[in-house]
Amino acid sequence: MAGDARLRLFCALCLPEDTVESLVHWQTRELHGGRPVVPGNLHVTLAFLGSRPSMEVPAIAGVLRDAAAGAAELRLRVRGYRETRSVGMLTFDDEGGAATVVAERLQEGLEDLGVYRREARPWLPHVTVLRFRERPRLRPELPELGDLVPSAAAVFISRLRPGGAEYESVETVALGG
C-alpha cells in the first residue's frame, strides 16, 4: 500500500472470544429491527481517526503501544442499552477507571501526533451491536457478560462495503505491556 493511500482508521479494545460468542447469542434473541453487527466487528472504540494516510499507521500504532503499556487490568461491566439515530449500543461502566486511562492516554498521544481531535464529551465505553435506518426503540434484556476483561487493543482499518463495514486489524498490542 502506498504511503499516501488513505485508510479509514480507528483504535479499539479487542473483545475476548467468549464475550463475542455471548453477544452474538444475545443479539439473536434480543435485537430485532435492524442489522446486528457481525462478530468480527464487535469492539470498544478508543478513538476514531477517520481517513488518514497509510504512512501514519506505524506512528499511530506506537502511540497505542505507549497508551497500553503499564495499563492496569481493565474491567468493564454492562450498564445499559441505548440507541442513537443509526446504531444500538451496549454501554459499560469502567470498573476502577483503567480503560478510561488507556483511552485518555491514547487520545492525548494521537492529538500530540496531529492525527486526532478529541470529542467535547467524555469517552464512553460502548460496543455497537445493531445498525438501523429507523430507530427500533428496543428495550432488550441486557446480556449477562460478567466482567468484560480485554487483554489487547488494536489499530483497525475500516473498509466500507455495500453489505456493511469490514474491519481489519493492522497492529495489535497487549494491554499492560
N, C-alpha and C. Protein backbone atom coordinates (compact mmCIF):
# COMPACT_ATOMS: atom_id res chain seq x y z
N MET A 1 0.85 -1.18 0.00
CA MET A 1 0.00 0.00 0.00
C MET A 1 0.89 1.24 0.00
N ALA A 2 0.62 2.15 -0.90
CA ALA A 2 1.42 3.37 -0.99
C ALA A 2 1.26 4.21 0.27
N GLY A 3 2.32 4.90 0.67
CA GLY A 3 2.31 5.69 1.90
C GLY A 3 1.29 6.80 1.92
N ASP A 4 0.88 7.26 0.72
CA ASP A 4 -0.11 8.33 0.69
C ASP A 4 -1.54 7.81 0.48
N ALA A 5 -1.71 6.48 0.38
CA ALA A 5 -3.06 5.90 0.27
C ALA A 5 -3.84 6.25 1.53
N ARG A 6 -5.11 6.55 1.39
CA ARG A 6 -5.93 6.94 2.52
C ARG A 6 -6.61 5.70 3.11
N LEU A 7 -6.59 5.60 4.43
CA LEU A 7 -7.23 4.50 5.15
C LEU A 7 -8.16 5.08 6.20
N ARG A 8 -9.31 4.45 6.37
CA ARG A 8 -10.24 4.84 7.44
C ARG A 8 -9.82 4.06 8.68
N LEU A 9 -9.32 4.77 9.70
CA LEU A 9 -8.68 4.12 10.85
C LEU A 9 -9.40 4.39 12.16
N PHE A 10 -9.29 3.42 13.07
CA PHE A 10 -9.71 3.63 14.46
C PHE A 10 -8.90 2.72 15.35
N CYS A 11 -8.84 3.05 16.63
CA CYS A 11 -8.19 2.22 17.65
C CYS A 11 -9.27 1.72 18.59
N ALA A 12 -9.15 0.46 19.01
CA ALA A 12 -10.21 -0.13 19.83
C ALA A 12 -9.66 -1.22 20.74
N LEU A 13 -10.42 -1.48 21.80
CA LEU A 13 -10.17 -2.63 22.66
C LEU A 13 -10.76 -3.86 21.97
N CYS A 14 -10.02 -4.94 21.95
CA CYS A 14 -10.48 -6.19 21.38
C CYS A 14 -11.26 -6.96 22.45
N LEU A 15 -12.35 -7.58 22.05
CA LEU A 15 -13.18 -8.33 22.99
C LEU A 15 -12.72 -9.78 23.07
N PRO A 16 -12.74 -10.36 24.27
CA PRO A 16 -12.43 -11.79 24.40
C PRO A 16 -13.44 -12.64 23.61
N GLU A 17 -12.98 -13.79 23.11
CA GLU A 17 -13.84 -14.65 22.28
C GLU A 17 -15.13 -15.04 22.99
N ASP A 18 -15.05 -15.38 24.28
CA ASP A 18 -16.27 -15.79 24.99
C ASP A 18 -17.27 -14.64 25.08
N THR A 19 -16.77 -13.42 25.18
CA THR A 19 -17.67 -12.25 25.20
C THR A 19 -18.35 -12.09 23.85
N VAL A 20 -17.58 -12.24 22.77
CA VAL A 20 -18.15 -12.13 21.42
C VAL A 20 -19.22 -13.19 21.23
N GLU A 21 -18.96 -14.42 21.63
CA GLU A 21 -19.95 -15.50 21.50
C GLU A 21 -21.22 -15.18 22.28
N SER A 22 -21.07 -14.70 23.50
CA SER A 22 -22.24 -14.33 24.31
C SER A 22 -23.03 -13.21 23.66
N LEU A 23 -22.32 -12.22 23.11
CA LEU A 23 -23.01 -11.11 22.45
C LEU A 23 -23.77 -11.56 21.21
N VAL A 24 -23.20 -12.46 20.43
CA VAL A 24 -23.88 -12.96 19.23
C VAL A 24 -25.16 -13.70 19.61
N HIS A 25 -25.12 -14.54 20.64
CA HIS A 25 -26.33 -15.24 21.10
C HIS A 25 -27.37 -14.22 21.59
N TRP A 26 -26.92 -13.23 22.32
CA TRP A 26 -27.82 -12.19 22.83
C TRP A 26 -28.44 -11.40 21.69
N GLN A 27 -27.63 -11.02 20.68
CA GLN A 27 -28.15 -10.28 19.53
C GLN A 27 -29.28 -11.06 18.86
N THR A 28 -29.09 -12.37 18.69
CA THR A 28 -30.08 -13.22 18.03
C THR A 28 -31.40 -13.22 18.80
N ARG A 29 -31.31 -13.27 20.13
CA ARG A 29 -32.52 -13.32 20.98
C ARG A 29 -33.20 -11.96 21.12
N GLU A 30 -32.42 -10.91 21.28
CA GLU A 30 -32.96 -9.63 21.75
C GLU A 30 -33.07 -8.51 20.72
N LEU A 31 -32.30 -8.57 19.65
CA LEU A 31 -32.23 -7.42 18.75
C LEU A 31 -32.97 -7.69 17.44
N HIS A 32 -34.05 -6.95 17.23
CA HIS A 32 -34.85 -7.08 16.03
C HIS A 32 -35.12 -5.68 15.49
N GLY A 33 -35.19 -5.54 14.18
CA GLY A 33 -35.49 -4.23 13.61
C GLY A 33 -34.27 -3.51 13.09
N GLY A 34 -33.22 -4.26 12.83
CA GLY A 34 -32.01 -3.66 12.28
C GLY A 34 -31.07 -4.76 11.84
N ARG A 35 -29.81 -4.37 11.62
CA ARG A 35 -28.79 -5.32 11.19
C ARG A 35 -27.78 -5.49 12.32
N PRO A 36 -27.76 -6.68 12.97
CA PRO A 36 -26.78 -6.90 14.04
C PRO A 36 -25.35 -6.75 13.51
N VAL A 37 -24.50 -6.20 14.33
CA VAL A 37 -23.09 -6.07 13.98
C VAL A 37 -22.48 -7.47 14.00
N VAL A 38 -21.72 -7.80 12.96
CA VAL A 38 -21.14 -9.14 12.83
C VAL A 38 -20.07 -9.35 13.89
N PRO A 39 -19.84 -10.61 14.28
CA PRO A 39 -18.89 -10.90 15.37
C PRO A 39 -17.52 -10.24 15.21
N GLY A 40 -16.96 -10.26 14.01
CA GLY A 40 -15.63 -9.69 13.80
C GLY A 40 -15.56 -8.19 13.94
N ASN A 41 -16.71 -7.53 14.01
CA ASN A 41 -16.75 -6.06 14.12
C ASN A 41 -17.10 -5.59 15.54
N LEU A 42 -17.28 -6.49 16.47
CA LEU A 42 -17.61 -6.10 17.85
C LEU A 42 -16.34 -5.69 18.57
N HIS A 43 -16.33 -4.49 19.12
CA HIS A 43 -15.15 -3.94 19.79
C HIS A 43 -15.58 -2.74 20.64
N VAL A 44 -14.66 -2.22 21.44
CA VAL A 44 -14.87 -1.00 22.21
C VAL A 44 -13.95 0.07 21.62
N THR A 45 -14.52 1.05 20.93
CA THR A 45 -13.72 2.09 20.28
C THR A 45 -13.04 2.97 21.32
N LEU A 46 -11.75 3.18 21.10
CA LEU A 46 -10.98 4.11 21.93
C LEU A 46 -10.86 5.46 21.25
N ALA A 47 -10.66 5.46 19.92
CA ALA A 47 -10.53 6.69 19.16
C ALA A 47 -10.78 6.40 17.69
N PHE A 48 -11.67 7.17 17.06
CA PHE A 48 -11.92 7.05 15.62
C PHE A 48 -11.14 8.17 14.94
N LEU A 49 -10.24 7.79 14.04
CA LEU A 49 -9.38 8.78 13.39
C LEU A 49 -9.89 9.21 12.02
N GLY A 50 -10.74 8.40 11.39
CA GLY A 50 -11.22 8.74 10.06
C GLY A 50 -10.16 8.47 9.01
N SER A 51 -10.24 9.18 7.91
CA SER A 51 -9.35 8.97 6.77
C SER A 51 -7.96 9.54 7.05
N ARG A 52 -6.95 8.67 7.02
CA ARG A 52 -5.57 9.07 7.31
C ARG A 52 -4.64 8.43 6.27
N PRO A 53 -3.52 9.07 5.96
CA PRO A 53 -2.54 8.45 5.05
C PRO A 53 -1.96 7.17 5.68
N SER A 54 -1.78 6.14 4.86
CA SER A 54 -1.30 4.85 5.38
C SER A 54 0.08 4.98 6.03
N MET A 55 0.87 5.96 5.60
CA MET A 55 2.22 6.11 6.18
C MET A 55 2.15 6.50 7.66
N GLU A 56 0.99 6.92 8.17
CA GLU A 56 0.85 7.28 9.58
C GLU A 56 0.60 6.08 10.49
N VAL A 57 0.26 4.93 9.91
CA VAL A 57 -0.10 3.77 10.72
C VAL A 57 0.99 3.38 11.73
N PRO A 58 2.26 3.31 11.34
CA PRO A 58 3.27 2.93 12.35
C PRO A 58 3.33 3.89 13.54
N ALA A 59 3.22 5.18 13.30
CA ALA A 59 3.24 6.15 14.41
C ALA A 59 1.99 6.02 15.27
N ILE A 60 0.84 5.80 14.65
CA ILE A 60 -0.40 5.62 15.40
C ILE A 60 -0.30 4.36 16.27
N ALA A 61 0.24 3.29 15.69
CA ALA A 61 0.43 2.04 16.45
C ALA A 61 1.39 2.27 17.62
N GLY A 62 2.40 3.09 17.42
CA GLY A 62 3.34 3.40 18.50
C GLY A 62 2.65 4.12 19.65
N VAL A 63 1.76 5.05 19.32
CA VAL A 63 1.00 5.76 20.36
C VAL A 63 0.10 4.77 21.10
N LEU A 64 -0.53 3.85 20.37
CA LEU A 64 -1.37 2.84 21.02
C LEU A 64 -0.53 1.96 21.94
N ARG A 65 0.65 1.54 21.49
CA ARG A 65 1.54 0.73 22.35
C ARG A 65 1.87 1.48 23.63
N ASP A 66 2.22 2.76 23.50
CA ASP A 66 2.56 3.57 24.68
C ASP A 66 1.38 3.69 25.63
N ALA A 67 0.18 3.89 25.08
CA ALA A 67 -1.02 4.04 25.92
C ALA A 67 -1.36 2.74 26.64
N ALA A 68 -1.09 1.61 25.98
CA ALA A 68 -1.43 0.30 26.55
C ALA A 68 -0.39 -0.19 27.54
N ALA A 69 0.85 0.26 27.40
CA ALA A 69 1.94 -0.21 28.27
C ALA A 69 1.65 0.18 29.72
N GLY A 70 1.82 -0.77 30.59
CA GLY A 70 1.64 -0.49 32.01
C GLY A 70 0.20 -0.31 32.44
N ALA A 71 -0.75 -0.57 31.56
CA ALA A 71 -2.17 -0.43 31.93
C ALA A 71 -2.53 -1.44 33.01
N ALA A 72 -3.29 -0.98 33.97
CA ALA A 72 -3.85 -1.89 34.97
C ALA A 72 -4.90 -2.77 34.28
N GLU A 73 -5.31 -3.86 34.93
CA GLU A 73 -6.33 -4.72 34.34
C GLU A 73 -7.61 -3.93 34.10
N LEU A 74 -8.12 -4.02 32.87
CA LEU A 74 -9.36 -3.34 32.51
C LEU A 74 -10.54 -4.24 32.85
N ARG A 75 -11.57 -3.66 33.46
CA ARG A 75 -12.80 -4.39 33.77
C ARG A 75 -13.98 -3.52 33.40
N LEU A 76 -14.75 -4.00 32.44
CA LEU A 76 -15.94 -3.28 32.01
C LEU A 76 -17.16 -4.12 32.36
N ARG A 77 -18.23 -3.46 32.81
CA ARG A 77 -19.46 -4.15 33.19
C ARG A 77 -20.63 -3.47 32.48
N VAL A 78 -21.50 -4.28 31.86
CA VAL A 78 -22.64 -3.74 31.11
C VAL A 78 -23.48 -2.85 32.01
N ARG A 79 -23.75 -1.65 31.52
CA ARG A 79 -24.59 -0.69 32.25
C ARG A 79 -25.98 -0.59 31.63
N GLY A 80 -26.05 -0.56 30.29
CA GLY A 80 -27.35 -0.38 29.66
C GLY A 80 -27.28 -0.50 28.15
N TYR A 81 -28.45 -0.33 27.54
CA TYR A 81 -28.58 -0.32 26.09
C TYR A 81 -29.13 1.04 25.71
N ARG A 82 -28.57 1.63 24.64
CA ARG A 82 -29.12 2.90 24.15
C ARG A 82 -29.01 2.95 22.64
N GLU A 83 -29.84 3.80 22.06
CA GLU A 83 -29.86 3.96 20.61
C GLU A 83 -29.57 5.42 20.26
N THR A 84 -28.81 5.58 19.18
CA THR A 84 -28.63 6.90 18.58
C THR A 84 -29.48 6.90 17.32
N ARG A 85 -29.25 7.82 16.43
CA ARG A 85 -30.08 7.87 15.21
C ARG A 85 -29.85 6.70 14.27
N SER A 86 -28.67 6.01 14.40
CA SER A 86 -28.40 4.93 13.45
C SER A 86 -27.83 3.65 14.07
N VAL A 87 -27.55 3.66 15.36
CA VAL A 87 -26.98 2.45 15.97
C VAL A 87 -27.57 2.18 17.35
N GLY A 88 -27.56 0.90 17.72
CA GLY A 88 -27.86 0.48 19.08
C GLY A 88 -26.56 0.04 19.71
N MET A 89 -26.38 0.37 20.98
CA MET A 89 -25.12 0.05 21.65
C MET A 89 -25.35 -0.40 23.08
N LEU A 90 -24.41 -1.20 23.55
CA LEU A 90 -24.33 -1.52 24.96
C LEU A 90 -23.32 -0.56 25.57
N THR A 91 -23.70 0.08 26.66
CA THR A 91 -22.76 0.95 27.36
C THR A 91 -22.23 0.20 28.57
N PHE A 92 -21.03 0.60 29.00
CA PHE A 92 -20.35 -0.11 30.07
C PHE A 92 -19.87 0.85 31.15
N ASP A 93 -19.84 0.36 32.38
CA ASP A 93 -19.15 1.05 33.46
C ASP A 93 -17.70 0.59 33.41
N ASP A 94 -16.79 1.53 33.64
CA ASP A 94 -15.37 1.24 33.66
C ASP A 94 -14.96 1.04 35.12
N GLU A 95 -15.03 -0.22 35.57
CA GLU A 95 -14.72 -0.54 36.96
C GLU A 95 -13.25 -0.19 37.26
N GLY A 96 -13.01 0.73 38.15
CA GLY A 96 -11.64 1.11 38.51
C GLY A 96 -11.03 2.18 37.61
N GLY A 97 -11.64 2.46 36.46
CA GLY A 97 -11.18 3.54 35.60
C GLY A 97 -9.99 3.25 34.71
N ALA A 98 -9.50 2.00 34.68
CA ALA A 98 -8.30 1.69 33.89
C ALA A 98 -8.52 1.85 32.38
N ALA A 99 -9.70 1.52 31.89
CA ALA A 99 -9.98 1.68 30.45
C ALA A 99 -9.99 3.15 30.07
N THR A 100 -10.54 3.98 30.94
CA THR A 100 -10.56 5.42 30.67
C THR A 100 -9.15 5.99 30.64
N VAL A 101 -8.28 5.49 31.51
CA VAL A 101 -6.88 5.93 31.50
C VAL A 101 -6.23 5.59 30.16
N VAL A 102 -6.44 4.38 29.66
CA VAL A 102 -5.88 3.98 28.36
C VAL A 102 -6.44 4.87 27.25
N ALA A 103 -7.77 5.08 27.25
CA ALA A 103 -8.40 5.90 26.22
C ALA A 103 -7.84 7.33 26.25
N GLU A 104 -7.71 7.90 27.44
CA GLU A 104 -7.22 9.28 27.54
C GLU A 104 -5.76 9.38 27.12
N ARG A 105 -4.93 8.42 27.52
CA ARG A 105 -3.51 8.42 27.10
C ARG A 105 -3.42 8.33 25.58
N LEU A 106 -4.20 7.43 25.00
CA LEU A 106 -4.20 7.25 23.56
C LEU A 106 -4.63 8.54 22.86
N GLN A 107 -5.76 9.09 23.29
CA GLN A 107 -6.28 10.29 22.64
C GLN A 107 -5.31 11.46 22.75
N GLU A 108 -4.69 11.62 23.91
CA GLU A 108 -3.70 12.69 24.09
C GLU A 108 -2.50 12.48 23.16
N GLY A 109 -2.01 11.25 23.09
CA GLY A 109 -0.89 10.95 22.21
C GLY A 109 -1.21 11.16 20.74
N LEU A 110 -2.43 10.78 20.34
CA LEU A 110 -2.85 10.98 18.96
C LEU A 110 -2.99 12.46 18.63
N GLU A 111 -3.48 13.24 19.61
CA GLU A 111 -3.55 14.69 19.42
C GLU A 111 -2.15 15.27 19.25
N ASP A 112 -1.22 14.85 20.11
CA ASP A 112 0.16 15.33 20.02
C ASP A 112 0.78 14.98 18.66
N LEU A 113 0.38 13.84 18.11
CA LEU A 113 0.86 13.40 16.80
C LEU A 113 0.21 14.21 15.66
N GLY A 114 -0.91 14.87 15.98
CA GLY A 114 -1.60 15.69 14.98
C GLY A 114 -2.55 14.92 14.09
N VAL A 115 -3.01 13.74 14.55
CA VAL A 115 -3.89 12.90 13.72
C VAL A 115 -5.29 12.75 14.30
N TYR A 116 -5.57 13.45 15.40
CA TYR A 116 -6.85 13.23 16.11
C TYR A 116 -7.23 14.49 16.87
N ARG A 117 -8.53 14.72 16.96
CA ARG A 117 -9.05 15.77 17.83
C ARG A 117 -10.12 15.14 18.73
N ARG A 118 -9.93 15.32 20.03
CA ARG A 118 -10.89 14.72 20.99
C ARG A 118 -12.26 15.34 20.84
N GLU A 119 -13.25 14.50 21.16
CA GLU A 119 -14.63 14.98 21.20
C GLU A 119 -14.83 15.80 22.48
N ALA A 120 -15.82 16.67 22.48
CA ALA A 120 -16.09 17.51 23.65
C ALA A 120 -16.62 16.68 24.81
N ARG A 121 -17.39 15.64 24.50
CA ARG A 121 -17.95 14.80 25.58
C ARG A 121 -16.92 13.77 26.03
N PRO A 122 -17.03 13.32 27.28
CA PRO A 122 -16.08 12.32 27.78
C PRO A 122 -16.24 10.98 27.04
N TRP A 123 -15.15 10.23 27.01
CA TRP A 123 -15.15 8.91 26.38
C TRP A 123 -16.16 8.01 27.08
N LEU A 124 -16.95 7.29 26.29
CA LEU A 124 -17.96 6.37 26.80
C LEU A 124 -17.63 4.96 26.32
N PRO A 125 -17.27 4.05 27.23
CA PRO A 125 -17.03 2.68 26.78
C PRO A 125 -18.35 2.06 26.31
N HIS A 126 -18.34 1.60 25.05
CA HIS A 126 -19.55 1.01 24.48
C HIS A 126 -19.19 0.05 23.35
N VAL A 127 -20.11 -0.85 23.06
CA VAL A 127 -19.99 -1.76 21.94
C VAL A 127 -21.22 -1.55 21.06
N THR A 128 -21.00 -1.17 19.81
CA THR A 128 -22.11 -1.06 18.87
C THR A 128 -22.54 -2.47 18.49
N VAL A 129 -23.83 -2.76 18.69
CA VAL A 129 -24.33 -4.12 18.48
C VAL A 129 -25.39 -4.21 17.37
N LEU A 130 -25.92 -3.04 16.94
CA LEU A 130 -27.01 -3.02 15.96
C LEU A 130 -26.91 -1.76 15.12
N ARG A 131 -27.16 -1.88 13.83
CA ARG A 131 -27.25 -0.72 12.93
C ARG A 131 -28.64 -0.73 12.30
N PHE A 132 -29.18 0.47 12.06
CA PHE A 132 -30.53 0.55 11.50
C PHE A 132 -30.73 1.88 10.78
N ARG A 133 -31.77 1.91 9.95
CA ARG A 133 -32.15 3.15 9.26
C ARG A 133 -33.20 3.90 10.08
N GLU A 134 -34.12 3.15 10.66
CA GLU A 134 -35.13 3.75 11.54
C GLU A 134 -34.96 3.16 12.93
N ARG A 135 -34.94 4.04 13.90
CA ARG A 135 -34.73 3.61 15.28
C ARG A 135 -35.83 2.64 15.71
N PRO A 136 -35.45 1.41 16.11
CA PRO A 136 -36.47 0.44 16.51
C PRO A 136 -37.00 0.65 17.93
N ARG A 137 -36.34 1.49 18.72
CA ARG A 137 -36.74 1.79 20.10
C ARG A 137 -36.89 0.51 20.92
N LEU A 138 -35.82 -0.27 20.89
CA LEU A 138 -35.80 -1.54 21.63
C LEU A 138 -35.54 -1.30 23.11
N ARG A 139 -36.00 -2.24 23.90
CA ARG A 139 -35.70 -2.27 25.33
C ARG A 139 -35.31 -3.70 25.70
N PRO A 140 -34.17 -4.13 25.16
CA PRO A 140 -33.79 -5.55 25.36
C PRO A 140 -33.32 -5.83 26.78
N GLU A 141 -33.49 -7.09 27.17
CA GLU A 141 -32.85 -7.56 28.40
C GLU A 141 -31.35 -7.43 28.16
N LEU A 142 -30.62 -7.02 29.16
CA LEU A 142 -29.18 -6.89 28.98
C LEU A 142 -28.51 -8.25 29.02
N PRO A 143 -27.43 -8.41 28.24
CA PRO A 143 -26.73 -9.70 28.28
C PRO A 143 -25.99 -9.87 29.60
N GLU A 144 -25.87 -11.09 30.03
CA GLU A 144 -25.12 -11.38 31.25
C GLU A 144 -23.70 -11.74 30.84
N LEU A 145 -22.84 -10.74 30.85
CA LEU A 145 -21.46 -10.93 30.41
C LEU A 145 -20.48 -11.04 31.57
N GLY A 146 -20.94 -10.71 32.78
CA GLY A 146 -19.99 -10.62 33.88
C GLY A 146 -19.04 -9.48 33.59
N ASP A 147 -17.82 -9.57 34.10
CA ASP A 147 -16.81 -8.56 33.80
C ASP A 147 -16.20 -8.84 32.45
N LEU A 148 -16.19 -7.84 31.60
CA LEU A 148 -15.52 -7.91 30.31
C LEU A 148 -14.08 -7.46 30.58
N VAL A 149 -13.11 -8.33 30.30
CA VAL A 149 -11.71 -8.03 30.62
C VAL A 149 -10.88 -8.13 29.33
N PRO A 150 -10.79 -7.03 28.58
CA PRO A 150 -9.97 -7.07 27.36
C PRO A 150 -8.49 -7.17 27.72
N SER A 151 -7.74 -7.90 26.90
CA SER A 151 -6.31 -8.02 27.14
C SER A 151 -5.49 -7.44 26.00
N ALA A 152 -6.17 -6.92 24.97
CA ALA A 152 -5.47 -6.36 23.82
C ALA A 152 -6.26 -5.19 23.23
N ALA A 153 -5.52 -4.36 22.50
CA ALA A 153 -6.11 -3.26 21.74
C ALA A 153 -5.48 -3.31 20.35
N ALA A 154 -6.11 -2.65 19.39
CA ALA A 154 -5.60 -2.72 18.02
C ALA A 154 -5.91 -1.45 17.25
N VAL A 155 -5.09 -1.24 16.21
CA VAL A 155 -5.38 -0.25 15.18
C VAL A 155 -6.11 -1.01 14.08
N PHE A 156 -7.26 -0.51 13.68
CA PHE A 156 -8.09 -1.17 12.67
C PHE A 156 -8.25 -0.28 11.45
N ILE A 157 -8.35 -0.93 10.29
CA ILE A 157 -8.80 -0.28 9.07
C ILE A 157 -10.27 -0.62 8.92
N SER A 158 -11.08 0.37 8.60
CA SER A 158 -12.50 0.15 8.33
C SER A 158 -12.71 0.36 6.83
N ARG A 159 -13.16 -0.71 6.17
CA ARG A 159 -13.46 -0.61 4.74
C ARG A 159 -14.97 -0.67 4.57
N LEU A 160 -15.52 0.36 3.95
CA LEU A 160 -16.96 0.42 3.73
C LEU A 160 -17.32 -0.43 2.52
N ARG A 161 -18.28 -1.34 2.71
CA ARG A 161 -18.74 -2.26 1.66
C ARG A 161 -20.26 -2.14 1.57
N PRO A 162 -20.84 -2.57 0.44
CA PRO A 162 -22.31 -2.50 0.32
C PRO A 162 -23.05 -3.24 1.43
N GLY A 163 -22.49 -4.34 1.92
CA GLY A 163 -23.13 -5.12 2.98
C GLY A 163 -22.78 -4.65 4.38
N GLY A 164 -22.00 -3.59 4.49
CA GLY A 164 -21.58 -3.09 5.79
C GLY A 164 -20.06 -2.99 5.86
N ALA A 165 -19.58 -2.38 6.89
CA ALA A 165 -18.14 -2.19 7.05
C ALA A 165 -17.43 -3.50 7.37
N GLU A 166 -16.20 -3.61 6.89
CA GLU A 166 -15.32 -4.72 7.25
C GLU A 166 -14.14 -4.12 7.99
N TYR A 167 -13.77 -4.72 9.11
CA TYR A 167 -12.66 -4.22 9.90
C TYR A 167 -11.49 -5.19 9.82
N GLU A 168 -10.31 -4.63 9.68
CA GLU A 168 -9.09 -5.44 9.64
C GLU A 168 -8.10 -4.85 10.64
N SER A 169 -7.62 -5.69 11.52
CA SER A 169 -6.61 -5.27 12.49
C SER A 169 -5.27 -5.20 11.78
N VAL A 170 -4.59 -4.05 11.90
CA VAL A 170 -3.28 -3.91 11.27
C VAL A 170 -2.14 -3.95 12.29
N GLU A 171 -2.47 -3.75 13.56
CA GLU A 171 -1.49 -3.84 14.64
C GLU A 171 -2.24 -4.11 15.93
N THR A 172 -1.86 -5.16 16.62
CA THR A 172 -2.47 -5.49 17.91
C THR A 172 -1.41 -5.41 19.00
N VAL A 173 -1.80 -4.81 20.14
CA VAL A 173 -0.87 -4.68 21.25
C VAL A 173 -1.52 -5.23 22.52
N ALA A 174 -0.69 -5.81 23.37
CA ALA A 174 -1.17 -6.32 24.64
C ALA A 174 -1.38 -5.16 25.60
N LEU A 175 -2.40 -5.25 26.42
CA LEU A 175 -2.63 -4.25 27.46
C LEU A 175 -1.75 -4.60 28.65
N GLY A 176 -1.09 -3.60 29.20
CA GLY A 176 -0.21 -3.84 30.33
C GLY A 176 1.20 -4.20 29.93
N GLY A 177 1.47 -4.11 28.61
CA GLY A 177 2.84 -4.36 28.14
C GLY A 177 3.08 -5.76 27.92
